[in-house]
C-alpha atoms as a PDB file:
ATOM      1  CA  UNK A   1       0.111   2.657   1.286  1.00  0.00           C
ATOM      2  CA  UNK A   2       3.786   2.607   1.137  1.00  0.00           C
ATOM      3  CA  UNK A   3       5.128   4.746  -1.540  1.00  0.00           C
ATOM      4  CA  UNK A   4       8.807   4.182  -1.272  1.00  0.00           C
ATOM      5  CA  UNK A   5      10.485   1.590  -3.476  1.00  0.00           C
ATOM      6  CA  UNK A   6      12.028  -1.357  -1.707  1.00  0.00           C
ATOM      7  CA  UNK A   7      15.487  -0.828  -0.768  1.00  0.00           C
ATOM      8  CA  UNK A   8      17.899  -3.619   0.438  1.00  0.00           C
ATOM      9  CA  UNK A   9      19.957  -1.765   2.979  1.00  0.00           C
ATOM     10  CA  UNK A  10      23.457  -2.754   4.124  1.00  0.00           C
ATOM     11  CA  UNK A  11      21.997  -3.643   7.508  1.00  0.00           C
ATOM     12  CA  UNK A  12      19.627  -6.207   5.761  1.00  0.00           C
ATOM     13  CA  UNK A  13      22.642  -7.642   3.932  1.00  0.00           C
ATOM     14  CA  UNK A  14      24.592  -7.816   7.133  1.00  0.00           C
ATOM     15  CA  UNK A  15      21.775  -9.704   8.939  1.00  0.00           C
ATOM     16  CA  UNK A  16      21.859 -12.208   6.122  1.00  0.00           C
ATOM     17  CA  UNK A  17      25.620 -12.649   6.666  1.00  0.00           C
ATOM     18  CA  UNK A  18      26.985 -10.500   3.862  1.00  0.00           C
ATOM     19  CA  UNK A  19      26.970 -10.768   0.176  1.00  0.00           C
ATOM     20  CA  UNK A  20      29.015 -13.896   0.045  1.00  0.00           C
ATOM     21  CA  UNK A  21      26.828 -15.839   2.551  1.00  0.00           C
ATOM     22  CA  UNK A  22      24.544 -18.778   1.840  1.00  0.00           C
ATOM     23  CA  UNK A  23      21.695 -16.949   3.362  1.00  0.00           C
ATOM     24  CA  UNK A  24      22.118 -13.938   0.945  1.00  0.00           C
ATOM     25  CA  UNK A  25      22.393 -16.315  -1.979  1.00  0.00           C
ATOM     26  CA  UNK A  26      19.153 -18.027  -0.835  1.00  0.00           C
ATOM     27  CA  UNK A  27      17.543 -14.556  -0.540  1.00  0.00           C
ATOM     28  CA  UNK A  28      18.548 -13.590  -4.086  1.00  0.00           C
ATOM     29  CA  UNK A  29      17.192 -17.021  -5.495  1.00  0.00           C
ATOM     30  CA  UNK A  30      13.968 -16.686  -3.724  1.00  0.00           C
ATOM     31  CA  UNK A  31      13.431 -13.031  -4.862  1.00  0.00           C
ATOM     32  CA  UNK A  32      14.313 -14.112  -8.452  1.00  0.00           C
ATOM     33  CA  UNK A  33      11.626 -16.854  -8.159  1.00  0.00           C
ATOM     34  CA  UNK A  34       9.131 -14.398  -6.832  1.00  0.00           C
ATOM     35  CA  UNK A  35       9.589 -11.966  -9.661  1.00  0.00           C
ATOM     36  CA  UNK A  36       9.411 -14.756 -12.199  1.00  0.00           C
ATOM     37  CA  UNK A  37       6.072 -15.901 -10.620  1.00  0.00           C
ATOM     38  CA  UNK A  38       4.826 -12.302 -10.752  1.00  0.00           C
ATOM     39  CA  UNK A  39       5.765 -12.157 -14.435  1.00  0.00           C
ATOM     40  CA  UNK A  40       4.083 -15.384 -15.242  1.00  0.00           C
ATOM     41  CA  UNK A  41       0.878 -14.379 -13.527  1.00  0.00           C
ATOM     42  CA  UNK A  42       0.769 -10.699 -14.441  1.00  0.00           C
ATOM     43  CA  UNK A  43      -2.429 -11.014 -16.469  1.00  0.00           C
ATOM     44  CA  UNK A  44      -4.230 -12.638 -13.629  1.00  0.00           C
ATOM     45  CA  UNK A  45      -2.997 -10.092 -11.018  1.00  0.00           C
ATOM     46  CA  UNK A  46      -4.067  -7.330 -13.405  1.00  0.00           C
ATOM     47  CA  UNK A  47      -7.507  -8.678 -13.755  1.00  0.00           C
ATOM     48  CA  UNK A  48      -7.792  -9.043  -9.837  1.00  0.00           C
ATOM     49  CA  UNK A  49      -6.618  -5.428  -9.432  1.00  0.00           C
ATOM     50  CA  UNK A  50      -9.152  -4.278 -11.998  1.00  0.00           C
ATOM     51  CA  UNK A  51     -11.893  -6.068 -10.202  1.00  0.00           C
ATOM     52  CA  UNK A  52     -11.020  -4.484  -6.923  1.00  0.00           C
ATOM     53  CA  UNK A  53     -10.853  -1.077  -8.555  1.00  0.00           C
ATOM     54  CA  UNK A  54     -14.408  -1.493 -10.088  1.00  0.00           C
ATOM     55  CA  UNK A  55     -15.740  -2.691  -6.754  1.00  0.00           C
ATOM     56  CA  UNK A  56     -13.826  -0.472  -4.235  1.00  0.00           C
ATOM     57  CA  UNK A  57     -12.562   2.519  -6.199  1.00  0.00           C
ATOM     58  CA  UNK A  58     -12.493   4.723  -2.979  1.00  0.00           C
ATOM     59  CA  UNK A  59      -9.608   2.674  -1.556  1.00  0.00           C
ATOM     60  CA  UNK A  60      -6.576   4.902  -0.774  1.00  0.00           C
ATOM     61  CA  UNK A  61      -4.426   2.844  -3.224  1.00  0.00           C
ATOM     62  CA  UNK A  62      -6.681   3.693  -6.165  1.00  0.00           C
ATOM     63  CA  UNK A  63      -7.079   7.531  -5.549  1.00  0.00           C
ATOM     64  CA  UNK A  64      -5.088   9.412  -7.930  1.00  0.00           C
ATOM     65  CA  UNK A  65      -3.580   6.261  -9.432  1.00  0.00           C
ATOM     66  CA  UNK A  66      -2.510   5.495 -12.839  1.00  0.00           C
ATOM     67  CA  UNK A  67      -4.431   3.711 -15.594  1.00  0.00           C
ATOM     68  CA  UNK A  68      -3.560   0.029 -15.884  1.00  0.00           C
ATOM     69  CA  UNK A  69      -1.712  -0.810 -19.076  1.00  0.00           C
ATOM     70  CA  UNK A  70      -1.623  -4.365 -20.296  1.00  0.00           C
END
């Protein structure tokens, strides 16, 4: 599992055409919509993760993990 946080590098911004480009603006809007969707569905996502933990606690992503907090 990836442990590093997401980082938007300058190279990624350049590929999108720079911070003032339409593609970068579209990227920002889509990321915002994605985070809002995650927030709206957080309880459902937590329930699914808890179900996975109960059924497959030996998965690498659950070993040494933190307790879920609601």
